[in-house]
Amino acid sequence: VTSRGMRPEDMKRIAGWIARLIREGDEAIEPVRAEVLALCERYP
């Protein structure tokens, strides 16, 4: 993530997604994946 130029606030979002996948399980995979892809588009 740092080599792509992501910032601490982006890492907080990633940590939130990890926590969400722990709490919500498989149901969270699709929505989290969409958010991950959107973040990666901002940092090609």
PDB file of all heavy atoms in Angstrom:
ATOM      1  N   VAL A   1       0.832  -1.213   0.000  1.00  0.00           N
ATOM      2  CA  VAL A   1       0.000   0.000   0.000  1.00  0.00           C
ATOM      3  C   VAL A   1       0.864   1.259   0.000  1.00  0.00           C
ATOM      4  O   VAL A   1       0.525   2.244  -0.664  1.00  0.00           O
ATOM      5  CB  VAL A   1      -1.027   0.021   1.159  1.00  0.00           C
ATOM      6  CG1 VAL A   1      -2.041  -1.079   0.990  1.00  0.00           C
ATOM      7  CG2 VAL A   1      -0.379  -0.072   2.512  1.00  0.00           C
ATOM      8  N   THR A   2       1.988   1.244   0.698  1.00  0.00           N
ATOM      9  CA  THR A   2       2.836   2.443   0.706  1.00  0.00           C
ATOM     10  C   THR A   2       3.492   2.663  -0.647  1.00  0.00           C
ATOM     11  O   THR A   2       3.660   3.796  -1.077  1.00  0.00           O
ATOM     12  CB  THR A   2       3.908   2.375   1.810  1.00  0.00           C
ATOM     13  OG1 THR A   2       4.703   1.195   1.637  1.00  0.00           O
ATOM     14  CG2 THR A   2       3.283   2.378   3.182  1.00  0.00           C
ATOM     15  N   SER A   3       3.848   1.578  -1.349  1.00  0.00           N
ATOM     16  CA  SER A   3       4.478   1.747  -2.660  1.00  0.00           C
ATOM     17  C   SER A   3       3.496   2.304  -3.689  1.00  0.00           C
ATOM     18  O   SER A   3       3.903   2.890  -4.680  1.00  0.00           O
ATOM     19  CB  SER A   3       5.085   0.432  -3.153  1.00  0.00           C
ATOM     20  OG  SER A   3       4.079  -0.530  -3.348  1.00  0.00           O
ATOM     21  N   ARG A   4       2.195   2.149  -3.426  1.00  0.00           N
ATOM     22  CA  ARG A   4       1.181   2.749  -4.307  1.00  0.00           C
ATOM     23  C   ARG A   4       0.877   4.189  -3.921  1.00  0.00           C
ATOM     24  O   ARG A   4       0.159   4.875  -4.620  1.00  0.00           O
ATOM     25  CB  ARG A   4      -0.112   1.930  -4.239  1.00  0.00           C
ATOM     26  CG  ARG A   4      -0.005   0.574  -4.896  1.00  0.00           C
ATOM     27  CD  ARG A   4      -1.296  -0.180  -4.809  1.00  0.00           C
ATOM     28  NE  ARG A   4      -2.162   0.179  -5.907  1.00  0.00           N
ATOM     29  CZ  ARG A   4      -2.901  -0.694  -6.575  1.00  0.00           C
ATOM     30  NH1 ARG A   4      -2.855  -1.962  -6.254  1.00  0.00           N
ATOM     31  NH2 ARG A   4      -3.675  -0.291  -7.554  1.00  0.00           N
ATOM     32  N   GLY A   5       1.402   4.634  -2.798  1.00  0.00           N
ATOM     33  CA  GLY A   5       1.188   6.009  -2.363  1.00  0.00           C
ATOM     34  C   GLY A   5       0.019   6.192  -1.408  1.00  0.00           C
ATOM     35  O   GLY A   5      -0.384   7.320  -1.130  1.00  0.00           O
ATOM     36  N   MET A   6      -0.519   5.099  -0.894  1.00  0.00           N
ATOM     37  CA  MET A   6      -1.634   5.213   0.040  1.00  0.00           C
ATOM     38  C   MET A   6      -1.161   5.863   1.334  1.00  0.00           C
ATOM     39  O   MET A   6      -0.002   5.751   1.730  1.00  0.00           O
ATOM     40  CB  MET A   6      -2.272   3.858   0.299  1.00  0.00           C
ATOM     41  CG  MET A   6      -2.962   3.299  -0.907  1.00  0.00           C
ATOM     42  SD  MET A   6      -3.774   1.731  -0.553  1.00  0.00           S
ATOM     43  CE  MET A   6      -4.237   1.228  -2.194  1.00  0.00           C
ATOM     44  N   ARG A   7      -2.064   6.546   1.979  1.00  0.00           N
ATOM     45  CA  ARG A   7      -1.793   7.346   3.168  1.00  0.00           C
ATOM     46  C   ARG A   7      -2.352   6.651   4.423  1.00  0.00           C
ATOM     47  O   ARG A   7      -3.107   5.674   4.303  1.00  0.00           O
ATOM     48  CB  ARG A   7      -2.429   8.728   3.011  1.00  0.00           C
ATOM     49  CG  ARG A   7      -2.120   9.432   1.704  1.00  0.00           C
ATOM     50  CD  ARG A   7      -0.689   9.856   1.531  1.00  0.00           C
ATOM     51  NE  ARG A   7      -0.326  10.705   2.664  1.00  0.00           N
ATOM     52  CZ  ARG A   7       0.896  10.839   3.119  1.00  0.00           C
ATOM     53  NH1 ARG A   7       1.891  10.221   2.549  1.00  0.00           N
ATOM     54  NH2 ARG A   7       1.143  11.608   4.155  1.00  0.00           N
ATOM     55  N   PRO A   8      -2.013   7.140   5.602  1.00  0.00           N
ATOM     56  CA  PRO A   8      -2.530   6.536   6.837  1.00  0.00           C
ATOM     57  C   PRO A   8      -4.058   6.420   6.869  1.00  0.00           C
ATOM     58  O   PRO A   8      -4.597   5.418   7.353  1.00  0.00           O
ATOM     59  CB  PRO A   8      -2.013   7.470   7.929  1.00  0.00           C
ATOM     60  CG  PRO A   8      -0.742   8.015   7.372  1.00  0.00           C
ATOM     61  CD  PRO A   8      -1.028   8.200   5.892  1.00  0.00           C
ATOM     62  N   GLU A   9      -4.774   7.409   6.347  1.00  0.00           N
ATOM     63  CA  GLU A   9      -6.244   7.317   6.350  1.00  0.00           C
ATOM     64  C   GLU A   9      -6.737   6.169   5.471  1.00  0.00           C
ATOM     65  O   GLU A   9      -7.766   5.548   5.765  1.00  0.00           O
ATOM     66  CB  GLU A   9      -6.881   8.648   5.940  1.00  0.00           C
ATOM     67  CG  GLU A   9      -6.480   9.166   4.581  1.00  0.00           C
ATOM     68  CD  GLU A   9      -5.237  10.044   4.584  1.00  0.00           C
ATOM     69  OE1 GLU A   9      -4.510  10.123   5.599  1.00  0.00           O
ATOM     70  OE2 GLU A   9      -4.974  10.654   3.528  1.00  0.00           O
ATOM     71  N   ASP A  10      -5.984   5.844   4.403  1.00  0.00           N
ATOM     72  CA  ASP A  10      -6.358   4.695   3.561  1.00  0.00           C
ATOM     73  C   ASP A  10      -6.125   3.399   4.312  1.00  0.00           C
ATOM     74  O   ASP A  10      -6.908   2.456   4.213  1.00  0.00           O
ATOM     75  CB  ASP A  10      -5.552   4.711   2.261  1.00  0.00           C
ATOM     76  CG  ASP A  10      -5.784   5.954   1.441  1.00  0.00           C
ATOM     77  OD1 ASP A  10      -6.966   6.286   1.205  1.00  0.00           O
ATOM     78  OD2 ASP A  10      -4.805   6.593   1.033  1.00  0.00           O
ATOM     79  N   MET A  11      -5.053   3.352   5.088  1.00  0.00           N
ATOM     80  CA  MET A  11      -4.756   2.147   5.865  1.00  0.00           C
ATOM     81  C   MET A  11      -5.809   1.938   6.957  1.00  0.00           C
ATOM     82  O   MET A  11      -6.156   0.803   7.274  1.00  0.00           O
ATOM     83  CB  MET A  11      -3.353   2.220   6.432  1.00  0.00           C
ATOM     84  CG  MET A  11      -2.314   2.164   5.329  1.00  0.00           C
ATOM     85  SD  MET A  11      -0.664   2.208   5.985  1.00  0.00           S
ATOM     86  CE  MET A  11       0.235   2.698   4.516  1.00  0.00           C
ATOM     87  N   LYS A  12      -6.336   3.028   7.493  1.00  0.00           N
ATOM     88  CA  LYS A  12      -7.425   2.904   8.465  1.00  0.00           C
ATOM     89  C   LYS A  12      -8.658   2.304   7.804  1.00  0.00           C
ATOM     90  O   LYS A  12      -9.365   1.499   8.413  1.00  0.00           O
ATOM     91  CB  LYS A  12      -7.757   4.256   9.083  1.00  0.00           C
ATOM     92  CG  LYS A  12      -6.709   4.752  10.039  1.00  0.00           C
ATOM     93  CD  LYS A  12      -7.063   6.110  10.601  1.00  0.00           C
ATOM     94  CE  LYS A  12      -5.964   6.645  11.490  1.00  0.00           C
ATOM     95  NZ  LYS A  12      -6.258   7.975  12.013  1.00  0.00           N
ATOM     96  N   ARG A  13      -8.933   2.691   6.563  1.00  0.00           N
ATOM     97  CA  ARG A  13     -10.062   2.112   5.831  1.00  0.00           C
ATOM     98  C   ARG A  13      -9.854   0.619   5.620  1.00  0.00           C
ATOM     99  O   ARG A  13     -10.773  -0.185   5.794  1.00  0.00           O
ATOM    100  CB  ARG A  13     -10.241   2.798   4.472  1.00  0.00           C
ATOM    101  CG  ARG A  13     -10.729   4.231   4.599  1.00  0.00           C
ATOM    102  CD  ARG A  13     -10.885   4.901   3.264  1.00  0.00           C
ATOM    103  NE  ARG A  13     -11.969   4.260   2.517  1.00  0.00           N
ATOM    104  CZ  ARG A  13     -12.115   4.354   1.212  1.00  0.00           C
ATOM    105  NH1 ARG A  13     -11.267   5.048   0.485  1.00  0.00           N
ATOM    106  NH2 ARG A  13     -13.121   3.760   0.612  1.00  0.00           N
ATOM    107  N   ILE A  14      -8.624   0.235   5.246  1.00  0.00           N
ATOM    108  CA  ILE A  14      -8.317  -1.183   5.035  1.00  0.00           C
ATOM    109  C   ILE A  14      -8.494  -1.959   6.341  1.00  0.00           C
ATOM    110  O   ILE A  14      -9.073  -3.048   6.350  1.00  0.00           O
ATOM    111  CB  ILE A  14      -6.892  -1.346   4.462  1.00  0.00           C
ATOM    112  CG1 ILE A  14      -6.826  -0.726   3.055  1.00  0.00           C
ATOM    113  CG2 ILE A  14      -6.487  -2.819   4.432  1.00  0.00           C
ATOM    114  CD1 ILE A  14      -5.410  -0.537   2.527  1.00  0.00           C
ATOM    115  N   ALA A  15      -8.032  -1.394   7.446  1.00  0.00           N
ATOM    116  CA  ALA A  15      -8.219  -2.046   8.750  1.00  0.00           C
ATOM    117  C   ALA A  15      -9.702  -2.210   9.053  1.00  0.00           C
ATOM    118  O   ALA A  15     -10.131  -3.245   9.579  1.00  0.00           O
ATOM    119  CB  ALA A  15      -7.536  -1.233   9.846  1.00  0.00           C
ATOM    120  N   GLY A  16     -10.495  -1.219   8.712  1.00  0.00           N
ATOM    121  CA  GLY A  16     -11.942  -1.311   8.897  1.00  0.00           C
ATOM    122  C   GLY A  16     -12.556  -2.422   8.071  1.00  0.00           C
ATOM    123  O   GLY A  16     -13.466  -3.126   8.522  1.00  0.00           O
ATOM    124  N   TRP A  17     -12.074  -2.582   6.851  1.00  0.00           N
ATOM    125  CA  TRP A  17     -12.587  -3.668   6.008  1.00  0.00           C
ATOM    126  C   TRP A  17     -12.215  -5.029   6.583  1.00  0.00           C
ATOM    127  O   TRP A  17     -13.026  -5.968   6.550  1.00  0.00           O
ATOM    128  CB  TRP A  17     -12.050  -3.537   4.588  1.00  0.00           C
ATOM    129  CG  TRP A  17     -12.537  -2.324   3.865  1.00  0.00           C
ATOM    130  CD1 TRP A  17     -13.739  -1.685   4.034  1.00  0.00           C
ATOM    131  CD2 TRP A  17     -11.839  -1.581   2.876  1.00  0.00           C
ATOM    132  NE1 TRP A  17     -13.820  -0.604   3.194  1.00  0.00           N
ATOM    133  CE2 TRP A  17     -12.670  -0.517   2.475  1.00  0.00           C
ATOM    134  CE3 TRP A  17     -10.590  -1.713   2.275  1.00  0.00           C
ATOM    135  CZ2 TRP A  17     -12.298   0.397   1.498  1.00  0.00           C
ATOM    136  CZ3 TRP A  17     -10.218  -0.802   1.315  1.00  0.00           C
ATOM    137  CH2 TRP A  17     -11.059   0.237   0.930  1.00  0.00           C
ATOM    138  N   ILE A  18     -10.996  -5.146   7.105  1.00  0.00           N
ATOM    139  CA  ILE A  18     -10.594  -6.408   7.731  1.00  0.00           C
ATOM    140  C   ILE A  18     -11.510  -6.705   8.917  1.00  0.00           C
ATOM    141  O   ILE A  18     -12.021  -7.819   9.061  1.00  0.00           O
ATOM    142  CB  ILE A  18      -9.111  -6.364   8.151  1.00  0.00           C
ATOM    143  CG1 ILE A  18      -8.211  -6.303   6.907  1.00  0.00           C
ATOM    144  CG2 ILE A  18      -8.749  -7.563   9.026  1.00  0.00           C
ATOM    145  CD1 ILE A  18      -6.745  -6.020   7.193  1.00  0.00           C
ATOM    146  N   ALA A  19     -11.746  -5.706   9.753  1.00  0.00           N
ATOM    147  CA  ALA A  19     -12.643  -5.887  10.906  1.00  0.00           C
ATOM    148  C   ALA A  19     -14.050  -6.264  10.450  1.00  0.00           C
ATOM    149  O   ALA A  19     -14.693  -7.119  11.051  1.00  0.00           O
ATOM    150  CB  ALA A  19     -12.674  -4.615  11.745  1.00  0.00           C
ATOM    151  N   ARG A  20     -14.512  -5.627   9.396  1.00  0.00           N
ATOM    152  CA  ARG A  20     -15.856  -5.928   8.886  1.00  0.00           C
ATOM    153  C   ARG A  20     -15.954  -7.374   8.407  1.00  0.00           C
ATOM    154  O   ARG A  20     -16.957  -8.054   8.670  1.00  0.00           O
ATOM    155  CB  ARG A  20     -16.191  -4.971   7.742  1.00  0.00           C
ATOM    156  CG  ARG A  20     -17.572  -5.156   7.189  1.00  0.00           C
ATOM    157  CD  ARG A  20     -17.929  -4.113   6.178  1.00  0.00           C
ATOM    158  NE  ARG A  20     -19.237  -4.402   5.621  1.00  0.00           N
ATOM    159  CZ  ARG A  20     -19.732  -3.800   4.560  1.00  0.00           C
ATOM    160  NH1 ARG A  20     -19.052  -2.839   3.953  1.00  0.00           N
ATOM    161  NH2 ARG A  20     -20.920  -4.139   4.114  1.00  0.00           N
ATOM    162  N   LEU A  21     -14.918  -7.850   7.729  1.00  0.00           N
ATOM    163  CA  LEU A  21     -14.937  -9.234   7.254  1.00  0.00           C
ATOM    164  C   LEU A  21     -14.837 -10.228   8.405  1.00  0.00           C
ATOM    165  O   LEU A  21     -15.360 -11.338   8.308  1.00  0.00           O
ATOM    166  CB  LEU A  21     -13.825  -9.453   6.231  1.00  0.00           C
ATOM    167  CG  LEU A  21     -14.135  -8.811   4.873  1.00  0.00           C
ATOM    168  CD1 LEU A  21     -12.874  -8.646   4.055  1.00  0.00           C
ATOM    169  CD2 LEU A  21     -15.162  -9.630   4.126  1.00  0.00           C
ATOM    170  N   ILE A  22     -14.205  -9.834   9.500  1.00  0.00           N
ATOM    171  CA  ILE A  22     -14.195 -10.690  10.688  1.00  0.00           C
ATOM    172  C   ILE A  22     -15.600 -10.740  11.287  1.00  0.00           C
ATOM    173  O   ILE A  22     -16.121 -11.811  11.584  1.00  0.00           O
ATOM    174  CB  ILE A  22     -13.178 -10.175  11.736  1.00  0.00           C
ATOM    175  CG1 ILE A  22     -11.753 -10.353  11.236  1.00  0.00           C
ATOM    176  CG2 ILE A  22     -13.374 -10.886  13.080  1.00  0.00           C
ATOM    177  CD1 ILE A  22     -10.697  -9.656  12.084  1.00  0.00           C
ATOM    178  N   ARG A  23     -16.214  -9.574  11.461  1.00  0.00           N
ATOM    179  CA  ARG A  23     -17.532  -9.481  12.112  1.00  0.00           C
ATOM    180  C   ARG A  23     -18.659 -10.050  11.259  1.00  0.00           C
ATOM    181  O   ARG A  23     -19.498 -10.795  11.755  1.00  0.00           O
ATOM    182  CB  ARG A  23     -17.863  -8.022  12.423  1.00  0.00           C
ATOM    183  CG  ARG A  23     -17.186  -7.425  13.603  1.00  0.00           C
ATOM    184  CD  ARG A  23     -17.792  -6.066  13.983  1.00  0.00           C
ATOM    185  NE  ARG A  23     -18.056  -5.213  12.837  1.00  0.00           N
ATOM    186  CZ  ARG A  23     -17.200  -4.318  12.322  1.00  0.00           C
ATOM    187  NH1 ARG A  23     -16.019  -4.171  12.859  1.00  0.00           N
ATOM    188  NH2 ARG A  23     -17.536  -3.577  11.290  1.00  0.00           N
ATOM    189  N   GLU A  24     -18.703  -9.669   9.986  1.00  0.00           N
ATOM    190  CA  GLU A  24     -19.858  -9.988   9.139  1.00  0.00           C
ATOM    191  C   GLU A  24     -19.682 -11.249   8.296  1.00  0.00           C
ATOM    192  O   GLU A  24     -20.657 -11.750   7.735  1.00  0.00           O
ATOM    193  CB  GLU A  24     -20.168  -8.808   8.227  1.00  0.00           C
ATOM    194  CG  GLU A  24     -20.552  -7.554   8.990  1.00  0.00           C
ATOM    195  CD  GLU A  24     -20.809  -6.368   8.073  1.00  0.00           C
ATOM    196  OE1 GLU A  24     -21.168  -6.583   6.885  1.00  0.00           O
ATOM    197  OE2 GLU A  24     -20.644  -5.226   8.544  1.00  0.00           O
ATOM    198  N   GLY A  25     -18.474 -11.732   8.171  1.00  0.00           N
ATOM    199  CA  GLY A  25     -18.247 -12.958   7.430  1.00  0.00           C
ATOM    200  C   GLY A  25     -18.394 -12.804   5.924  1.00  0.00           C
ATOM    201  O   GLY A  25     -18.193 -11.721   5.362  1.00  0.00           O
ATOM    202  N   ASP A  26     -18.794 -13.892   5.289  1.00  0.00           N
ATOM    203  CA  ASP A  26     -18.859 -13.951   3.832  1.00  0.00           C
ATOM    204  C   ASP A  26     -19.807 -12.926   3.219  1.00  0.00           C
ATOM    205  O   ASP A  26     -19.609 -12.512   2.075  1.00  0.00           O
ATOM    206  CB  ASP A  26     -19.260 -15.350   3.376  1.00  0.00           C
ATOM    207  CG  ASP A  26     -18.178 -16.386   3.660  1.00  0.00           C
ATOM    208  OD1 ASP A  26     -17.023 -15.992   3.937  1.00  0.00           O
ATOM    209  OD2 ASP A  26     -18.496 -17.588   3.597  1.00  0.00           O
ATOM    210  N   GLU A  27     -20.813 -12.503   3.956  1.00  0.00           N
ATOM    211  CA  GLU A  27     -21.774 -11.538   3.418  1.00  0.00           C
ATOM    212  C   GLU A  27     -21.112 -10.196   3.097  1.00  0.00           C
ATOM    213  O   GLU A  27     -21.616  -9.430   2.279  1.00  0.00           O
ATOM    214  CB  GLU A  27     -22.942 -11.308   4.386  1.00  0.00           C
ATOM    215  CG  GLU A  27     -23.801 -12.535   4.617  1.00  0.00           C
ATOM    216  CD  GLU A  27     -23.169 -13.552   5.561  1.00  0.00           C
ATOM    217  OE1 GLU A  27     -22.378 -13.153   6.458  1.00  0.00           O
ATOM    218  OE2 GLU A  27     -23.429 -14.749   5.382  1.00  0.00           O
ATOM    219  N   ALA A  28     -20.003  -9.909   3.727  1.00  0.00           N
ATOM    220  CA  ALA A  28     -19.322  -8.634   3.513  1.00  0.00           C
ATOM    221  C   ALA A  28     -18.328  -8.671   2.356  1.00  0.00           C
ATOM    222  O   ALA A  28     -17.822  -7.622   1.956  1.00  0.00           O
ATOM    223  CB  ALA A  28     -18.609  -8.208   4.797  1.00  0.00           C
ATOM    224  N   ILE A  29     -18.066  -9.836   1.795  1.00  0.00           N
ATOM    225  CA  ILE A  29     -17.024  -9.947   0.765  1.00  0.00           C
ATOM    226  C   ILE A  29     -17.311  -9.047  -0.432  1.00  0.00           C
ATOM    227  O   ILE A  29     -16.451  -8.262  -0.840  1.00  0.00           O
ATOM    228  CB  ILE A  29     -16.830 -11.412   0.319  1.00  0.00           C
ATOM    229  CG1 ILE A  29     -16.219 -12.225   1.460  1.00  0.00           C
ATOM    230  CG2 ILE A  29     -15.961 -11.486  -0.932  1.00  0.00           C
ATOM    231  CD1 ILE A  29     -16.176 -13.724   1.213  1.00  0.00           C
ATOM    232  N   GLU A  30     -18.477  -9.142  -1.018  1.00  0.00           N
ATOM    233  CA  GLU A  30     -18.773  -8.370  -2.233  1.00  0.00           C
ATOM    234  C   GLU A  30     -18.723  -6.859  -2.002  1.00  0.00           C
ATOM    235  O   GLU A  30     -18.083  -6.151  -2.778  1.00  0.00           O
ATOM    236  CB  GLU A  30     -20.113  -8.794  -2.831  1.00  0.00           C
ATOM    237  CG  GLU A  30     -20.102 -10.196  -3.413  1.00  0.00           C
ATOM    238  CD  GLU A  30     -19.061 -10.388  -4.514  1.00  0.00           C
ATOM    239  OE1 GLU A  30     -18.856  -9.470  -5.335  1.00  0.00           O
ATOM    240  OE2 GLU A  30     -18.446 -11.464  -4.548  1.00  0.00           O
ATOM    241  N   PRO A  31     -19.394  -6.332  -0.964  1.00  0.00           N
ATOM    242  CA  PRO A  31     -19.306  -4.889  -0.771  1.00  0.00           C
ATOM    243  C   PRO A  31     -17.893  -4.400  -0.448  1.00  0.00           C
ATOM    244  O   PRO A  31     -17.476  -3.341  -0.923  1.00  0.00           O
ATOM    245  CB  PRO A  31     -20.270  -4.592   0.378  1.00  0.00           C
ATOM    246  CG  PRO A  31     -20.725  -5.880   0.912  1.00  0.00           C
ATOM    247  CD  PRO A  31     -20.343  -6.948  -0.046  1.00  0.00           C
ATOM    248  N   VAL A  32     -17.145  -5.171   0.314  1.00  0.00           N
ATOM    249  CA  VAL A  32     -15.772  -4.779   0.636  1.00  0.00           C
ATOM    250  C   VAL A  32     -14.923  -4.823  -0.633  1.00  0.00           C
ATOM    251  O   VAL A  32     -14.133  -3.913  -0.892  1.00  0.00           O
ATOM    252  CB  VAL A  32     -15.173  -5.656   1.752  1.00  0.00           C
ATOM    253  CG1 VAL A  32     -13.669  -5.445   1.872  1.00  0.00           C
ATOM    254  CG2 VAL A  32     -15.859  -5.358   3.082  1.00  0.00           C
ATOM    255  N   ARG A  33     -15.097  -5.865  -1.451  1.00  0.00           N
ATOM    256  CA  ARG A  33     -14.321  -5.963  -2.692  1.00  0.00           C
ATOM    257  C   ARG A  33     -14.550  -4.738  -3.573  1.00  0.00           C
ATOM    258  O   ARG A  33     -13.617  -4.183  -4.148  1.00  0.00           O
ATOM    259  CB  ARG A  33     -14.652  -7.232  -3.462  1.00  0.00           C
ATOM    260  CG  ARG A  33     -13.832  -7.311  -4.749  1.00  0.00           C
ATOM    261  CD  ARG A  33     -14.027  -8.541  -5.615  1.00  0.00           C
ATOM    262  NE  ARG A  33     -15.214  -9.278  -5.395  1.00  0.00           N
ATOM    263  CZ  ARG A  33     -15.281 -10.600  -5.392  1.00  0.00           C
ATOM    264  NH1 ARG A  33     -14.186 -11.314  -5.586  1.00  0.00           N
ATOM    265  NH2 ARG A  33     -16.414 -11.209  -5.217  1.00  0.00           N
ATOM    266  N   ALA A  34     -15.786  -4.287  -3.672  1.00  0.00           N
ATOM    267  CA  ALA A  34     -16.089  -3.102  -4.478  1.00  0.00           C
ATOM    268  C   ALA A  34     -15.366  -1.872  -3.937  1.00  0.00           C
ATOM    269  O   ALA A  34     -14.822  -1.068  -4.709  1.00  0.00           O
ATOM    270  CB  ALA A  34     -17.605  -2.870  -4.512  1.00  0.00           C
ATOM    271  N   GLU A  35     -15.325  -1.722  -2.620  1.00  0.00           N
ATOM    272  CA  GLU A  35     -14.627  -0.587  -2.016  1.00  0.00           C
ATOM    273  C   GLU A  35     -13.115  -0.692  -2.211  1.00  0.00           C
ATOM    274  O   GLU A  35     -12.439   0.315  -2.436  1.00  0.00           O
ATOM    275  CB  GLU A  35     -14.975  -0.473  -0.539  1.00  0.00           C
ATOM    276  CG  GLU A  35     -16.433  -0.085  -0.299  1.00  0.00           C
ATOM    277  CD  GLU A  35     -16.756   0.049   1.169  1.00  0.00           C
ATOM    278  OE1 GLU A  35     -16.004   0.767   1.871  1.00  0.00           O
ATOM    279  OE2 GLU A  35     -17.748  -0.538   1.614  1.00  0.00           O
ATOM    280  N   VAL A  36     -12.583  -1.913  -2.116  1.00  0.00           N
ATOM    281  CA  VAL A  36     -11.151  -2.132  -2.330  1.00  0.00           C
ATOM    282  C   VAL A  36     -10.777  -1.751  -3.765  1.00  0.00           C
ATOM    283  O   VAL A  36      -9.787  -1.051  -3.995  1.00  0.00           O
ATOM    284  CB  VAL A  36     -10.762  -3.601  -2.035  1.00  0.00           C
ATOM    285  CG1 VAL A  36      -9.352  -3.909  -2.522  1.00  0.00           C
ATOM    286  CG2 VAL A  36     -10.896  -3.908  -0.557  1.00  0.00           C
ATOM    287  N   LEU A  37     -11.573  -2.189  -4.725  1.00  0.00           N
ATOM    288  CA  LEU A  37     -11.290  -1.865  -6.127  1.00  0.00           C
ATOM    289  C   LEU A  37     -11.343  -0.364  -6.372  1.00  0.00           C
ATOM    290  O   LEU A  37     -10.511   0.185  -7.103  1.00  0.00           O
ATOM    291  CB  LEU A  37     -12.253  -2.615  -7.051  1.00  0.00           C
ATOM    292  CG  LEU A  37     -12.066  -4.134  -7.080  1.00  0.00           C
ATOM    293  CD1 LEU A  37     -13.159  -4.785  -7.912  1.00  0.00           C
ATOM    294  CD2 LEU A  37     -10.694  -4.515  -7.598  1.00  0.00           C
ATOM    295  N   ALA A  38     -12.301   0.314  -5.761  1.00  0.00           N
ATOM    296  CA  ALA A  38     -12.400   1.772  -5.912  1.00  0.00           C
ATOM    297  C   ALA A  38     -11.160   2.459  -5.332  1.00  0.00           C
ATOM    298  O   ALA A  38     -10.622   3.400  -5.931  1.00  0.00           O
ATOM    299  CB  ALA A  38     -13.674   2.287  -5.241  1.00  0.00           C
ATOM    300  N   LEU A  39     -10.688   1.987  -4.183  1.00  0.00           N
ATOM    301  CA  LEU A  39      -9.486   2.562  -3.583  1.00  0.00           C
ATOM    302  C   LEU A  39      -8.277   2.317  -4.491  1.00  0.00           C
ATOM    303  O   LEU A  39      -7.477   3.228  -4.721  1.00  0.00           O
ATOM    304  CB  LEU A  39      -9.227   1.969  -2.191  1.00  0.00           C
ATOM    305  CG  LEU A  39      -7.970   2.453  -1.479  1.00  0.00           C
ATOM    306  CD1 LEU A  39      -8.042   3.949  -1.184  1.00  0.00           C
ATOM    307  CD2 LEU A  39      -7.750   1.659  -0.197  1.00  0.00           C
ATOM    308  N   CYS A  40      -8.144   1.123  -5.013  1.00  0.00           N
ATOM    309  CA  CYS A  40      -6.999   0.799  -5.872  1.00  0.00           C
ATOM    310  C   CYS A  40      -7.014   1.621  -7.163  1.00  0.00           C
ATOM    311  O   CYS A  40      -5.947   1.953  -7.690  1.00  0.00           O
ATOM    312  CB  CYS A  40      -6.969  -0.690  -6.180  1.00  0.00           C
ATOM    313  SG  CYS A  40      -6.500  -1.694  -4.750  1.00  0.00           S
ATOM    314  N   GLU A  41      -8.175   1.963  -7.659  1.00  0.00           N
ATOM    315  CA  GLU A  41      -8.256   2.818  -8.848  1.00  0.00           C
ATOM    316  C   GLU A  41      -7.692   4.205  -8.565  1.00  0.00           C
ATOM    317  O   GLU A  41      -7.137   4.842  -9.460  1.00  0.00           O
ATOM    318  CB  GLU A  41      -9.702   2.924  -9.327  1.00  0.00           C
ATOM    319  CG  GLU A  41     -10.195   1.684 -10.030  1.00  0.00           C
ATOM    320  CD  GLU A  41     -11.650   1.778 -10.462  1.00  0.00           C
ATOM    321  OE1 GLU A  41     -12.218   2.891 -10.444  1.00  0.00           O
ATOM    322  OE2 GLU A  41     -12.212   0.731 -10.822  1.00  0.00           O
ATOM    323  N   ARG A  42      -7.832   4.668  -7.334  1.00  0.00           N
ATOM    324  CA  ARG A  42      -7.290   5.980  -6.958  1.00  0.00           C
ATOM    325  C   ARG A  42      -5.765   5.971  -6.861  1.00  0.00           C
ATOM    326  O   ARG A  42      -5.124   7.021  -6.924  1.00  0.00           O
ATOM    327  CB  ARG A  42      -7.876   6.437  -5.622  1.00  0.00           C
ATOM    328  CG  ARG A  42      -9.340   6.804  -5.728  1.00  0.00           C
ATOM    329  CD  ARG A  42      -9.960   7.345  -4.457  1.00  0.00           C
ATOM    330  NE  ARG A  42      -9.069   8.002  -3.535  1.00  0.00           N
ATOM    331  CZ  ARG A  42      -9.080   7.810  -2.211  1.00  0.00           C
ATOM    332  NH1 ARG A  42      -9.933   6.966  -1.666  1.00  0.00           N
ATOM    333  NH2 ARG A  42      -8.253   8.470  -1.436  1.00  0.00           N
ATOM    334  N   TYR A  43      -5.197   4.780  -6.678  1.00  0.00           N
ATOM    335  CA  TYR A  43      -3.752   4.624  -6.548  1.00  0.00           C
ATOM    336  C   TYR A  43      -3.267   3.547  -7.520  1.00  0.00           C
ATOM    337  O   TYR A  43      -2.942   2.440  -7.110  1.00  0.00           O
ATOM    338  CB  TYR A  43      -3.380   4.221  -5.111  1.00  0.00           C
ATOM    339  CG  TYR A  43      -3.748   5.228  -4.077  1.00  0.00           C
ATOM    340  CD1 TYR A  43      -4.931   5.112  -3.344  1.00  0.00           C
ATOM    341  CD2 TYR A  43      -2.927   6.310  -3.798  1.00  0.00           C
ATOM    342  CE1 TYR A  43      -5.275   6.039  -2.376  1.00  0.00           C
ATOM    343  CE2 TYR A  43      -3.252   7.249  -2.837  1.00  0.00           C
ATOM    344  CZ  TYR A  43      -4.424   7.090  -2.124  1.00  0.00           C
ATOM    345  OH  TYR A  43      -4.757   8.016  -1.163  1.00  0.00           O
ATOM    346  N   PRO A  44      -3.183   3.862  -8.811  1.00  0.00           N
ATOM    347  CA  PRO A  44      -2.775   2.842  -9.784  1.00  0.00           C
ATOM    348  C   PRO A  44      -1.343   2.376  -9.544  1.00  0.00           C
ATOM    349  O   PRO A  44      -0.509   3.110  -9.000  1.00  0.00           O
ATOM    350  CB  PRO A  44      -2.912   3.555 -11.131  1.00  0.00           C
ATOM    351  CG  PRO A  44      -2.899   5.010 -10.811  1.00  0.00           C
ATOM    352  CD  PRO A  44      -3.424   5.164  -9.419  1.00  0.00           C
TER     353      PRO A  44
END
